[in-house]
Amino acid sequence: MSSSIPSRSTILDIPELVVLICESARPADRARLLRVSKLFFYCTAPYVWKEIRGVTTLLKLIDGATIKSEKADSVCSNVTIELDERLDFTRFDFYAPLIHKLEVFHQRTETLTLNSWENLVTRDKPLLPNLTRLSCREAPANQSHDSIIQWVNIFLTPDLVELRVPNPNGDICAMFTWLAPLLVSNMLQTVSTKCPSLKTLEVAPGTNARDSPTIGFNVPLTIGLHEHIARFDSLRTLVTSAAALEPGMLMALSHLPKLEALSVVSSHQHEPMIQTLHLGPNAFPVLERLELRRLSLNGITGLWYTPGLVSKLSSAVIAQPILDEFTPRNWAGELISHVCLQSPALQEFYLDPYYYVTQAVLLSQDNLKLLEQQQVSLKSITLCGTLVDRDVGVQDFACAFPNLSVLRLPSWRVTWQDARDLVARLPNLHTLSVGLDTLQPTVPQAGSLESNRGNRNRLSLEMSWDPLVELSSDKMFKLAEFLYDTWPAVKCEVMPGLSHGQRTNMALQKLNGTISSLERQRR
C-alpha cells in the first residue's frame, strides 16, 4: 500500500505541480525556489526575471562587464559600467528572453555612466527580444538627457507596447525636468521605426528656449517633432508636457487614429500660449480622456474652446490648476459648467486643486442651479479639496447631478441623515465618499430615519476610517447595525489615495465583518 503513495521527491518532479507552486509563491520566495532543483529553476525563472529593475542587474550577466560604484555624497552615488572589447553574452542571452518589463534605473540616487555603447548597439539582434514595457521613470535629476535616450535606444524591440521616459507626473522635485526637444525628436524618429506596435508613450519635451535654445516647436513638419509623432498609428495613450498644446503638435496628434487618452503636465515656466485651433470634424476620432495637470486656469478654460479636442470626451481630469489673485472663490463650479457645456458627452469629471491653491475652493448654490439648468449627464464626479457653501443642501446637489453613480467629495461634511437622503435621491449611486463623523456621541437609529430598505443596490462607502480605532466594541456594533439597516448592501472601503495604518485596517475589517454577520443573521 505504501508503494502506491508517491514520495516527496516524486511529487516535486511533477511539472504541473511545480508550475502551480511557482505561480502562487510570493516574489520574495521565488528566488529561493530557484535553488530547489533543476525543474524548479526552469519553472521559476520566467517569474523571477519577468520584471527587472536596474540595468546593472542585466549587465552583470555579461562576461567582460565591470560595474563600479562610488559615493558622490551622503545620498547619491555614481555607477560606472565598463565593457571590455570582447564580451561573452552566453549567460545574458539565456535570461534575456525571459524579461518583459525593464526599468533602466534602479533608483533616483544612482547616476549611470557607460564607457562604451558600441558593443551593445552593434549586436545583430535585440538585447531583450521579448521586452514589451520599457521605462526610465527613475532617472536621477543629474543623469544627462542624451544618456537617457541612449539607454532607451539600445533596448527598443518591435514588440514594445509601452515606453516611459522621465515622468512628468513625478514627484515635486522632478516635475520640471523636461527633455530637450531636439533629443526627443531624434528619439521619436527611432522609436517610430523600431516599435510599430507602441500603445503607451510617456515623454516630456520642453517647450521654451530655456530647455533648448536651438530648436522651437513651430518649425516645419519635415524637421520637427510633429512629423515623428504623427507616425504612431498604434498609440492609445500619450503622457507628455505642454509641448502637446503647441499648434503644430496638437494638429499632428489630432490625426492619430487610435489615441484614446492624452495627459498633459505643465507649469508657469513651460505653458505655451493657448490658441484656438480649427481641427476639423475628424480630429481626435477616438479620444475619450483628457488630463491636464498644472496648467493655468485661463489656459484650461481656453483649451476647452477647441471643439475637435473636447467635444467627444467622456472623461476629464484637471489637477493642480494654477490660479491668480483675480480668481473667484467659486471658480470650480464655473469650470465644471464650462467643461460640461463644451463636452456634452462627458461622463466622468475629476478635479484636484491641491498644492497651488491658497484660498478656499467652494461650490455655491448658484453653481449647482446653473448645472441643473444645463442638465449635465455626468455619472462620476470627484472633487478633492473642494468645500460646499453652507446654504447648499443635498437636494441641490442631487438636482445638479441626477445621474451620478460615483460621488467623491471628501471635504463635504454631512450628517448621517444627509448621507442617507443623498443616496435616496440618487438612484444610480454605488460609490459615495463624503465627510461623515464616526465619532459623534451616539450612532443614529436607522428606524428613526425614512426607510430606504427597498434600495438593495450595492453601496461602497469610502471614508477616512482612522477614527474607527477609537470606537468601543459596543459602538462599533451599533455603527455596523446602523449601516446595514440604512444600506443593506453597504461595504466600507478606503478612500482612494489614502493609506491607513494597520490598526485602522483591522478596525475596518472588523466593521465589514460585523455587517456581513448581520446580513447572514437576517436573511
Protein backbone atom coordinates (compact mmCIF):
# COMPACT_ATOMS: atom_id res chain seq x y z
CA MET A 1 0.00 0.00 0.00
CA SER A 2 2.82 2.37 0.85
CA SER A 3 4.38 1.82 -2.56
CA SER A 4 1.34 3.49 -4.22
CA ILE A 5 1.94 6.73 -2.34
CA PRO A 6 4.36 8.93 -4.30
CA SER A 7 7.45 10.01 -2.42
CA ARG A 8 8.28 13.64 -1.75
CA SER A 9 10.91 13.68 -4.49
CA THR A 10 8.46 12.19 -6.99
CA ILE A 11 5.87 14.87 -6.24
CA LEU A 12 8.43 17.61 -6.74
CA ASP A 13 9.21 16.17 -10.18
CA ILE A 14 5.68 16.76 -11.49
CA PRO A 15 5.98 19.83 -13.80
CA GLU A 16 2.32 20.87 -13.50
CA LEU A 17 2.53 20.89 -9.70
CA VAL A 18 5.80 22.80 -9.70
CA VAL A 19 4.30 25.44 -12.01
CA LEU A 20 1.36 25.90 -9.61
CA ILE A 21 3.78 26.30 -6.70
CA CYS A 22 5.77 28.92 -8.61
CA GLU A 23 2.65 30.83 -9.65
CA SER A 24 1.29 31.06 -6.10
CA ALA A 25 4.61 31.83 -4.36
CA ARG A 26 5.38 35.33 -3.12
CA PRO A 27 8.03 37.22 -5.14
CA ALA A 28 10.49 37.02 -2.24
CA ASP A 29 10.09 33.22 -2.07
CA ARG A 30 10.60 32.61 -5.77
CA ALA A 31 14.32 33.38 -5.52
CA ARG A 32 14.59 30.52 -3.02
CA LEU A 33 12.64 28.16 -5.29
CA LEU A 34 15.31 28.63 -7.97
CA ARG A 35 17.67 26.58 -5.81
CA VAL A 36 15.36 23.62 -5.06
CA SER A 37 16.01 21.62 -8.22
CA LYS A 38 16.64 21.94 -11.93
CA LEU A 39 12.90 21.63 -12.64
CA PHE A 40 12.10 24.34 -10.10
CA PHE A 41 14.74 26.57 -11.65
CA TYR A 42 13.28 26.34 -15.16
CA CYS A 43 9.71 26.79 -13.89
CA THR A 44 10.52 29.70 -11.56
CA ALA A 45 12.99 31.69 -13.68
CA PRO A 46 10.29 33.16 -16.01
CA TYR A 47 8.53 34.67 -12.97
CA VAL A 48 11.70 35.96 -11.30
CA TRP A 49 13.06 37.56 -14.47
CA LYS A 50 9.81 38.80 -15.99
CA GLU A 51 10.26 42.27 -14.48
CA ILE A 52 13.71 43.75 -13.81
CA ARG A 53 14.53 46.99 -12.01
CA GLY A 54 18.00 48.34 -12.72
CA VAL A 55 20.03 47.73 -15.86
CA THR A 56 23.10 46.80 -13.80
CA THR A 57 21.35 43.55 -12.87
CA LEU A 58 21.39 42.62 -16.56
CA LEU A 59 24.87 43.80 -17.45
CA LYS A 60 26.39 41.76 -14.62
CA LEU A 61 25.43 38.68 -16.67
CA ILE A 62 27.85 39.67 -19.44
CA ASP A 63 31.32 38.18 -19.11
CA GLY A 64 33.62 41.16 -19.62
CA ALA A 65 31.44 43.77 -17.90
CA THR A 66 32.73 45.51 -14.77
CA ILE A 67 30.50 47.65 -12.55
CA LYS A 68 31.92 50.12 -10.03
CA SER A 69 30.05 52.34 -7.60
CA GLU A 70 31.42 55.44 -5.87
CA LYS A 71 29.68 57.68 -3.37
CA ALA A 72 29.13 61.20 -4.69
CA ASP A 73 27.72 62.45 -1.38
CA SER A 74 25.80 61.07 1.58
CA VAL A 75 22.84 60.14 -0.62
CA CYS A 76 23.88 59.86 -4.27
CA SER A 77 26.39 57.59 -5.97
CA ASN A 78 27.99 57.31 -9.40
CA VAL A 79 27.82 53.88 -11.04
CA THR A 80 30.34 53.26 -13.83
CA ILE A 81 29.86 50.36 -16.25
CA GLU A 82 32.97 49.32 -18.16
CA LEU A 83 32.78 46.88 -21.08
CA ASP A 84 35.79 45.02 -22.46
CA GLU A 85 36.38 44.88 -26.20
CA ARG A 86 35.48 41.19 -26.21
CA LEU A 87 32.28 40.24 -24.42
CA ASP A 88 30.65 36.87 -23.77
CA PHE A 89 26.84 37.14 -23.86
CA THR A 90 26.15 33.43 -23.14
CA ARG A 91 24.59 33.92 -19.68
CA PHE A 92 22.94 37.17 -20.72
CA ASP A 93 21.28 35.53 -23.74
CA PHE A 94 19.86 32.76 -21.54
CA TYR A 95 17.95 35.19 -19.30
CA ALA A 96 17.23 37.92 -21.87
CA PRO A 97 14.16 36.23 -23.46
CA LEU A 98 12.52 35.95 -20.02
CA ILE A 99 12.43 39.71 -19.46
CA HIS A 100 9.20 41.51 -20.42
CA LYS A 101 9.43 44.70 -18.35
CA LEU A 102 12.53 46.80 -17.59
CA GLU A 103 13.07 49.93 -15.50
CA VAL A 104 16.54 51.10 -16.57
CA PHE A 105 17.38 52.98 -13.37
CA HIS A 106 17.25 51.17 -10.06
CA GLN A 107 16.73 54.32 -8.01
CA ARG A 108 16.99 58.09 -8.40
CA THR A 109 20.15 58.31 -6.34
CA GLU A 110 22.32 56.36 -8.81
CA THR A 111 23.78 58.07 -11.88
CA LEU A 112 24.83 55.60 -14.59
CA THR A 113 27.85 56.01 -16.86
CA LEU A 114 28.70 53.52 -19.62
CA ASN A 115 32.22 53.73 -21.05
CA SER A 116 31.26 52.40 -24.49
CA TRP A 117 27.90 51.83 -26.18
CA GLU A 118 29.35 50.21 -29.29
CA ASN A 119 29.40 46.58 -28.09
CA LEU A 120 25.75 46.80 -27.08
CA VAL A 121 24.30 48.58 -30.09
CA THR A 122 26.13 46.60 -32.79
CA ARG A 123 24.62 43.21 -31.98
CA ASP A 124 22.59 41.67 -34.80
CA LYS A 125 19.54 41.04 -32.58
CA PRO A 126 17.63 42.91 -29.84
CA LEU A 127 19.23 42.71 -26.41
CA LEU A 128 15.87 41.79 -24.84
CA PRO A 129 13.84 40.19 -27.65
CA ASN A 130 10.57 39.80 -25.70
CA LEU A 131 10.59 43.17 -23.95
CA THR A 132 7.15 44.83 -24.05
CA ARG A 133 7.49 47.56 -21.39
CA LEU A 134 10.47 49.89 -21.02
CA SER A 135 10.79 52.70 -18.50
CA CYS A 136 13.28 55.36 -17.39
CA ARG A 137 10.97 56.96 -14.84
CA GLU A 138 13.51 56.61 -12.04
CA ALA A 139 16.25 58.51 -13.87
CA PRO A 140 18.10 60.78 -11.40
CA ALA A 141 17.96 64.54 -11.87
CA ASN A 142 21.65 64.77 -12.82
CA GLN A 143 21.54 61.96 -15.40
CA SER A 144 22.34 63.53 -18.77
CA HIS A 145 19.46 63.63 -21.21
CA ASP A 146 21.46 62.16 -24.07
CA SER A 147 22.45 59.15 -21.95
CA ILE A 148 18.79 58.56 -21.03
CA ILE A 149 17.94 58.48 -24.73
CA GLN A 150 20.86 56.12 -25.35
CA TRP A 151 19.55 53.66 -22.76
CA VAL A 152 16.14 53.81 -24.38
CA ASN A 153 17.50 53.19 -27.87
CA ILE A 154 19.55 50.09 -27.04
CA PHE A 155 16.55 48.23 -25.58
CA LEU A 156 13.93 49.03 -28.22
CA THR A 157 12.16 45.99 -29.68
CA PRO A 158 9.48 45.50 -32.36
CA ASP A 159 7.03 44.15 -29.74
CA LEU A 160 7.37 47.10 -27.35
CA VAL A 161 3.93 48.38 -26.33
CA GLU A 162 4.85 50.77 -23.51
CA LEU A 163 7.67 53.32 -23.27
CA ARG A 164 8.04 55.72 -20.34
CA VAL A 165 10.86 58.26 -20.33
CA PRO A 166 11.30 60.80 -17.41
CA ASN A 167 7.92 61.04 -15.84
CA PRO A 168 6.25 64.48 -16.00
CA ASN A 169 3.77 63.21 -13.39
CA GLY A 170 6.64 62.51 -10.98
CA ASP A 171 7.30 63.94 -7.55
CA ILE A 172 7.65 67.64 -6.80
CA CYS A 173 11.43 67.61 -7.14
CA ALA A 174 11.31 66.13 -10.65
CA MET A 175 8.34 67.96 -12.10
CA PHE A 176 10.36 70.41 -14.18
CA THR A 177 12.98 68.03 -15.64
CA TRP A 178 11.81 68.30 -19.23
CA LEU A 179 13.86 66.80 -22.04
CA ALA A 180 15.38 68.95 -24.77
CA PRO A 181 13.04 68.91 -27.80
CA LEU A 182 15.78 68.01 -30.28
CA LEU A 183 16.66 64.89 -28.27
CA VAL A 184 13.01 63.89 -28.05
CA SER A 185 12.59 64.44 -31.78
CA ASN A 186 15.50 62.13 -32.56
CA MET A 187 14.24 59.53 -30.10
CA LEU A 188 10.72 59.56 -31.54
CA GLN A 189 12.12 59.08 -35.02
CA THR A 190 13.96 55.95 -33.83
CA VAL A 191 11.03 54.64 -31.77
CA SER A 192 8.51 55.08 -34.58
CA THR A 193 10.73 52.96 -36.83
CA LYS A 194 11.64 50.21 -34.36
CA CYS A 195 8.41 49.94 -32.34
CA PRO A 196 5.42 49.82 -34.70
CA SER A 197 3.12 48.34 -32.01
CA LEU A 198 3.68 51.03 -29.35
CA LYS A 199 0.45 51.76 -27.45
CA THR A 200 1.60 53.87 -24.47
CA LEU A 201 4.17 56.66 -24.65
CA GLU A 202 5.27 58.89 -21.79
CA VAL A 203 7.80 61.58 -22.67
CA ALA A 204 8.30 65.19 -21.62
CA PRO A 205 9.88 67.55 -24.15
CA GLY A 206 10.45 71.13 -23.03
CA THR A 207 8.51 73.99 -24.58
CA ASN A 208 10.66 77.10 -24.45
CA ALA A 209 14.14 78.44 -25.10
CA ARG A 210 15.29 77.66 -21.58
CA ASP A 211 15.13 73.95 -22.44
CA SER A 212 16.63 74.12 -25.89
CA PRO A 213 17.91 77.39 -27.37
CA THR A 214 18.44 75.83 -30.78
CA ILE A 215 15.03 74.44 -31.66
CA GLY A 216 11.43 75.54 -31.28
CA PHE A 217 8.16 73.75 -31.85
CA ASN A 218 6.78 75.83 -34.66
CA VAL A 219 9.36 74.51 -37.10
CA PRO A 220 8.42 72.88 -40.42
CA LEU A 221 6.94 69.41 -40.10
CA THR A 222 9.80 67.93 -42.08
CA ILE A 223 12.29 68.61 -39.30
CA GLY A 224 10.12 68.90 -36.16
CA LEU A 225 8.55 66.69 -33.55
CA HIS A 226 5.25 66.81 -35.40
CA GLU A 227 6.35 64.58 -38.24
CA HIS A 228 7.62 61.87 -35.91
CA ILE A 229 4.65 61.82 -33.52
CA ALA A 230 2.31 61.51 -36.49
CA ARG A 231 3.80 58.08 -37.31
CA PHE A 232 2.50 56.38 -34.17
CA ASP A 233 -0.59 54.81 -35.70
CA SER A 234 -1.00 52.31 -32.83
CA LEU A 235 -0.62 54.84 -29.98
CA ARG A 236 -3.51 54.78 -27.50
CA THR A 237 -2.14 56.74 -24.50
CA LEU A 238 0.22 59.73 -24.51
CA VAL A 239 1.56 61.35 -21.33
CA THR A 240 3.62 64.43 -22.13
CA SER A 241 4.44 68.05 -21.35
CA ALA A 242 2.61 71.14 -22.57
CA ALA A 243 4.51 70.73 -25.83
CA ALA A 244 1.42 68.79 -26.91
CA LEU A 245 -0.57 72.05 -26.84
CA GLU A 246 1.66 73.84 -29.33
CA PRO A 247 -0.39 74.35 -32.53
CA GLY A 248 1.74 72.09 -34.72
CA MET A 249 1.89 69.27 -32.18
CA LEU A 250 -1.81 69.45 -31.39
CA MET A 251 -2.60 69.28 -35.09
CA ALA A 252 -0.33 66.24 -35.52
CA LEU A 253 -1.86 64.48 -32.51
CA SER A 254 -5.36 65.12 -33.83
CA HIS A 255 -4.67 62.73 -36.73
CA LEU A 256 -3.61 59.73 -34.62
CA PRO A 257 -6.33 57.16 -35.37
CA LYS A 258 -6.22 55.23 -32.07
CA LEU A 259 -5.31 57.87 -29.45
CA GLU A 260 -7.77 57.37 -26.57
CA ALA A 261 -6.10 59.23 -23.69
CA LEU A 262 -3.99 62.41 -23.63
CA SER A 263 -2.33 63.57 -20.40
CA VAL A 264 -0.57 66.95 -20.33
CA VAL A 265 1.60 68.30 -17.49
CA SER A 266 2.74 71.92 -17.46
CA SER A 267 3.93 74.73 -15.19
CA HIS A 268 4.30 78.51 -15.29
CA GLN A 269 7.66 78.08 -17.00
CA HIS A 270 6.51 75.58 -19.62
CA GLU A 271 2.98 76.59 -20.63
CA PRO A 272 2.58 77.84 -24.20
CA MET A 273 0.02 80.40 -25.27
CA ILE A 274 -3.23 78.54 -25.85
CA GLN A 275 -4.53 79.29 -29.34
CA THR A 276 -7.97 78.45 -30.66
CA LEU A 277 -7.49 75.96 -33.48
CA HIS A 278 -9.93 74.68 -36.06
CA LEU A 279 -9.03 70.99 -36.09
CA GLY A 280 -11.91 69.82 -38.24
CA PRO A 281 -14.71 67.29 -37.64
CA ASN A 282 -12.43 64.24 -37.92
CA ALA A 283 -9.87 65.40 -35.35
CA PHE A 284 -9.11 63.06 -32.44
CA PRO A 285 -11.51 60.40 -33.74
CA VAL A 286 -11.42 58.17 -30.63
CA LEU A 287 -10.09 60.48 -27.87
CA GLU A 288 -12.05 59.75 -24.68
CA ARG A 289 -9.92 61.05 -21.81
CA LEU A 290 -8.09 64.37 -21.36
CA GLU A 291 -5.90 65.03 -18.31
CA LEU A 292 -4.49 68.50 -17.61
CA ARG A 293 -2.08 68.99 -14.72
CA ARG A 294 -0.51 72.26 -13.54
CA LEU A 295 -1.92 74.37 -16.36
CA SER A 296 -3.21 77.84 -15.63
CA LEU A 297 -6.95 78.08 -15.11
CA ASN A 298 -7.14 80.53 -18.03
CA GLY A 299 -5.27 78.06 -20.22
CA ILE A 300 -7.62 75.23 -19.27
CA THR A 301 -10.69 77.34 -19.98
CA GLY A 302 -9.26 78.43 -23.33
CA LEU A 303 -8.37 74.89 -24.31
CA TRP A 304 -11.97 73.82 -23.82
CA TYR A 305 -12.92 76.10 -26.70
CA THR A 306 -11.22 73.68 -29.12
CA PRO A 307 -14.20 71.61 -30.35
CA GLY A 308 -12.23 68.94 -32.17
CA LEU A 309 -10.30 68.20 -28.97
CA VAL A 310 -13.02 68.21 -26.31
CA SER A 311 -16.38 67.65 -28.00
CA LYS A 312 -16.28 63.82 -27.84
CA LEU A 313 -14.64 63.41 -24.42
CA SER A 314 -16.15 61.05 -21.86
CA SER A 315 -13.58 61.70 -19.09
CA ALA A 316 -11.80 64.87 -17.91
CA VAL A 317 -9.13 65.19 -15.21
CA ILE A 318 -7.93 68.61 -14.00
CA ALA A 319 -5.30 68.65 -11.27
CA GLN A 320 -3.37 71.47 -9.57
CA PRO A 321 -4.65 74.29 -11.81
CA ILE A 322 -2.60 77.46 -11.42
CA LEU A 323 -4.70 80.39 -10.19
CA ASP A 324 -4.09 84.11 -9.92
CA GLU A 325 -5.20 86.78 -7.46
CA PHE A 326 -8.30 87.57 -9.54
CA THR A 327 -9.70 84.03 -9.47
CA PRO A 328 -13.15 83.98 -7.78
CA ARG A 329 -13.67 81.51 -4.97
CA ASN A 330 -16.46 79.70 -6.84
CA TRP A 331 -14.24 79.01 -9.87
CA ALA A 332 -14.66 75.23 -9.52
CA GLY A 333 -18.39 75.33 -10.22
CA GLU A 334 -17.89 77.69 -13.17
CA LEU A 335 -15.22 75.37 -14.58
CA ILE A 336 -17.47 72.31 -14.29
CA SER A 337 -20.24 74.20 -16.07
CA HIS A 338 -17.91 75.31 -18.87
CA VAL A 339 -16.38 71.85 -19.33
CA CYS A 340 -19.76 70.08 -19.40
CA LEU A 341 -21.14 72.63 -21.85
CA GLN A 342 -18.30 72.12 -24.33
CA SER A 343 -18.12 68.33 -23.75
CA PRO A 344 -21.77 67.23 -23.81
CA ALA A 345 -20.88 63.51 -23.75
CA LEU A 346 -18.76 63.84 -20.59
CA GLN A 347 -19.40 61.04 -18.07
CA GLU A 348 -16.52 61.47 -15.60
CA PHE A 349 -15.03 64.64 -14.09
CA TYR A 350 -12.10 64.78 -11.65
CA LEU A 351 -10.80 67.98 -10.03
CA ASP A 352 -7.91 68.24 -7.58
CA PRO A 353 -6.92 71.85 -6.78
CA TYR A 354 -4.35 70.78 -4.18
CA TYR A 355 -0.82 72.32 -3.99
CA TYR A 356 -1.27 75.57 -5.90
CA VAL A 357 -4.47 76.68 -4.20
CA THR A 358 -4.04 79.16 -1.33
CA GLN A 359 -7.71 80.04 -0.99
CA ALA A 360 -10.84 78.02 -0.27
CA VAL A 361 -12.44 76.30 -3.26
CA LEU A 362 -16.20 76.42 -2.92
CA LEU A 363 -19.26 75.12 -4.72
CA SER A 364 -22.09 77.60 -4.38
CA GLN A 365 -25.83 77.19 -4.73
CA ASP A 366 -25.72 79.36 -7.86
CA ASN A 367 -23.17 76.95 -9.37
CA LEU A 368 -25.45 73.99 -8.76
CA LYS A 369 -28.54 75.79 -10.07
CA LEU A 370 -26.69 76.54 -13.31
CA LEU A 371 -25.61 72.90 -13.64
CA GLU A 372 -29.19 71.79 -13.03
CA GLN A 373 -30.37 74.04 -15.86
CA GLN A 374 -27.68 72.60 -18.15
CA GLN A 375 -28.93 69.06 -17.44
CA VAL A 376 -25.40 67.65 -17.26
CA SER A 377 -25.00 63.93 -17.89
CA LEU A 378 -22.09 63.27 -15.50
CA LYS A 379 -22.10 59.81 -13.93
CA SER A 380 -18.92 60.17 -11.87
CA ILE A 381 -17.56 63.27 -10.15
CA THR A 382 -14.56 63.60 -7.85
CA LEU A 383 -13.85 66.97 -6.23
CA CYS A 384 -10.82 66.87 -3.94
CA GLY A 385 -10.15 69.80 -1.62
CA THR A 386 -13.47 71.40 -2.56
CA LEU A 387 -15.88 72.76 0.04
CA VAL A 388 -19.62 73.32 -0.28
CA ASP A 389 -21.30 76.57 0.79
CA ARG A 390 -23.43 76.30 3.92
CA ASP A 391 -26.64 77.11 2.07
CA VAL A 392 -26.21 74.10 -0.24
CA GLY A 393 -28.33 71.07 0.66
CA VAL A 394 -28.27 67.50 -0.58
CA GLN A 395 -31.32 68.27 -2.71
CA ASP A 396 -29.40 70.98 -4.59
CA PHE A 397 -26.56 68.57 -5.27
CA ALA A 398 -28.84 65.73 -6.35
CA CYS A 399 -30.73 68.02 -8.73
CA ALA A 400 -27.49 69.27 -10.29
CA PHE A 401 -26.11 65.75 -10.87
CA PRO A 402 -29.13 63.41 -11.08
CA ASN A 403 -27.32 60.64 -12.98
CA LEU A 404 -24.39 60.12 -10.59
CA SER A 405 -23.20 56.60 -9.86
CA VAL A 406 -19.93 57.77 -8.22
CA LEU A 407 -19.68 60.81 -5.93
CA ARG A 408 -16.39 61.63 -4.23
CA LEU A 409 -16.43 64.93 -2.35
CA PRO A 410 -14.45 64.10 0.80
CA SER A 411 -14.29 67.69 2.09
CA TRP A 412 -18.09 67.98 2.22
CA ARG A 413 -19.13 67.48 5.85
CA VAL A 414 -22.60 65.94 6.04
CA THR A 415 -24.65 64.21 8.72
CA TRP A 416 -25.69 60.57 8.53
CA GLN A 417 -29.23 61.79 7.78
CA ASP A 418 -27.90 63.90 4.87
CA ALA A 419 -25.90 60.97 3.52
CA ARG A 420 -28.94 58.71 3.57
CA ASP A 421 -31.08 61.37 1.94
CA LEU A 422 -28.45 61.89 -0.75
CA VAL A 423 -28.30 58.18 -1.59
CA ALA A 424 -32.10 58.04 -1.74
CA ARG A 425 -32.18 60.95 -4.21
CA LEU A 426 -29.53 59.41 -6.47
CA PRO A 427 -30.94 56.01 -7.50
CA ASN A 428 -27.87 55.03 -9.56
CA LEU A 429 -25.31 55.83 -6.85
CA HIS A 430 -22.99 52.93 -5.94
CA THR A 431 -19.93 54.81 -4.57
CA LEU A 432 -20.11 57.61 -2.00
CA SER A 433 -17.18 59.44 -0.43
CA VAL A 434 -18.07 62.37 1.82
CA GLY A 435 -17.05 63.59 5.27
CA LEU A 436 -19.01 61.68 7.93
CA ASP A 437 -18.32 61.81 11.65
CA THR A 438 -17.89 58.30 13.04
CA LEU A 439 -17.00 59.73 16.46
CA GLN A 440 -20.28 61.54 17.08
CA PRO A 441 -21.56 60.85 20.62
CA THR A 442 -24.33 58.48 19.53
CA VAL A 443 -24.94 56.44 16.42
CA PRO A 444 -28.31 57.35 14.83
CA GLN A 445 -31.10 54.81 14.90
CA ALA A 446 -31.96 53.52 11.45
CA GLY A 447 -35.59 53.16 12.45
CA SER A 448 -35.87 56.89 13.12
CA LEU A 449 -34.89 57.66 9.54
CA GLU A 450 -37.05 57.47 6.46
CA SER A 451 -36.98 53.85 5.27
CA ASN A 452 -34.68 53.02 2.42
CA ARG A 453 -34.63 49.24 2.66
CA GLY A 454 -36.16 48.96 -0.79
CA ASN A 455 -32.83 50.01 -2.28
CA ARG A 456 -30.77 46.81 -2.46
CA ASN A 457 -28.12 48.17 -4.82
CA ARG A 458 -24.57 47.76 -3.56
CA LEU A 459 -23.13 50.91 -1.99
CA SER A 460 -19.42 51.43 -1.46
CA LEU A 461 -18.92 53.90 1.38
CA GLU A 462 -15.43 55.44 1.14
CA MET A 463 -14.10 57.44 4.05
CA SER A 464 -11.09 58.17 6.18
CA TRP A 465 -11.63 55.43 8.74
CA ASP A 466 -8.90 56.40 11.23
CA PRO A 467 -11.50 57.32 13.93
CA LEU A 468 -12.66 53.69 13.98
CA VAL A 469 -9.74 52.70 16.19
CA GLU A 470 -11.22 54.87 18.98
CA LEU A 471 -14.63 53.16 18.94
CA SER A 472 -15.64 50.73 21.64
CA SER A 473 -16.90 47.29 20.62
CA ASP A 474 -20.44 48.33 21.53
CA LYS A 475 -20.35 51.46 19.39
CA MET A 476 -18.68 49.54 16.55
CA PHE A 477 -21.59 47.08 16.58
CA LYS A 478 -24.16 49.88 16.66
CA LEU A 479 -22.44 51.60 13.74
CA ALA A 480 -22.42 48.34 11.74
CA GLU A 481 -26.09 47.80 12.57
CA PHE A 482 -26.98 51.31 11.52
CA LEU A 483 -25.06 51.00 8.23
CA TYR A 484 -26.67 47.65 7.39
CA ASP A 485 -30.18 48.84 8.26
CA THR A 486 -29.65 52.01 6.24
CA TRP A 487 -27.94 50.45 3.21
CA PRO A 488 -28.36 46.65 3.23
CA ALA A 489 -25.68 46.11 0.56
CA VAL A 490 -23.11 48.53 2.01
CA LYS A 491 -19.37 47.90 2.07
CA CYS A 492 -16.99 50.25 3.87
CA GLU A 493 -13.81 50.89 1.88
CA VAL A 494 -10.74 53.09 1.93
CA MET A 495 -10.90 56.39 0.11
CA PRO A 496 -8.63 56.34 -2.99
CA GLY A 497 -5.30 57.98 -2.29
CA LEU A 498 -5.37 57.35 1.45
CA SER A 499 -3.07 54.92 3.19
CA HIS A 500 -4.28 53.64 6.54
CA GLY A 501 -2.20 52.09 9.28
CA GLN A 502 -2.51 48.51 10.45
CA ARG A 503 -4.84 49.36 13.36
CA THR A 504 -7.23 51.22 11.07
CA ASN A 505 -7.24 48.40 8.51
CA MET A 506 -8.02 45.88 11.25
CA ALA A 507 -10.86 48.06 12.57
CA LEU A 508 -12.25 48.42 9.05
CA GLN A 509 -12.13 44.64 8.55
CA LYS A 510 -13.96 44.22 11.86
CA LEU A 511 -16.66 46.69 10.79
CA ASN A 512 -17.23 44.94 7.45
CA GLY A 513 -17.17 41.56 9.19
CA THR A 514 -19.88 42.67 11.60
CA ILE A 515 -22.01 43.94 8.70
CA SER A 516 -21.62 40.57 6.94
CA SER A 517 -22.64 38.75 10.12
CA LEU A 518 -25.77 40.88 10.41
CA GLU A 519 -26.60 40.09 6.79
CA ARG A 520 -26.34 36.34 7.41
CA GLN A 521 -28.40 36.53 10.59
CA ARG A 522 -31.26 38.47 8.99
CA ARG A 523 -31.67 36.53 5.79
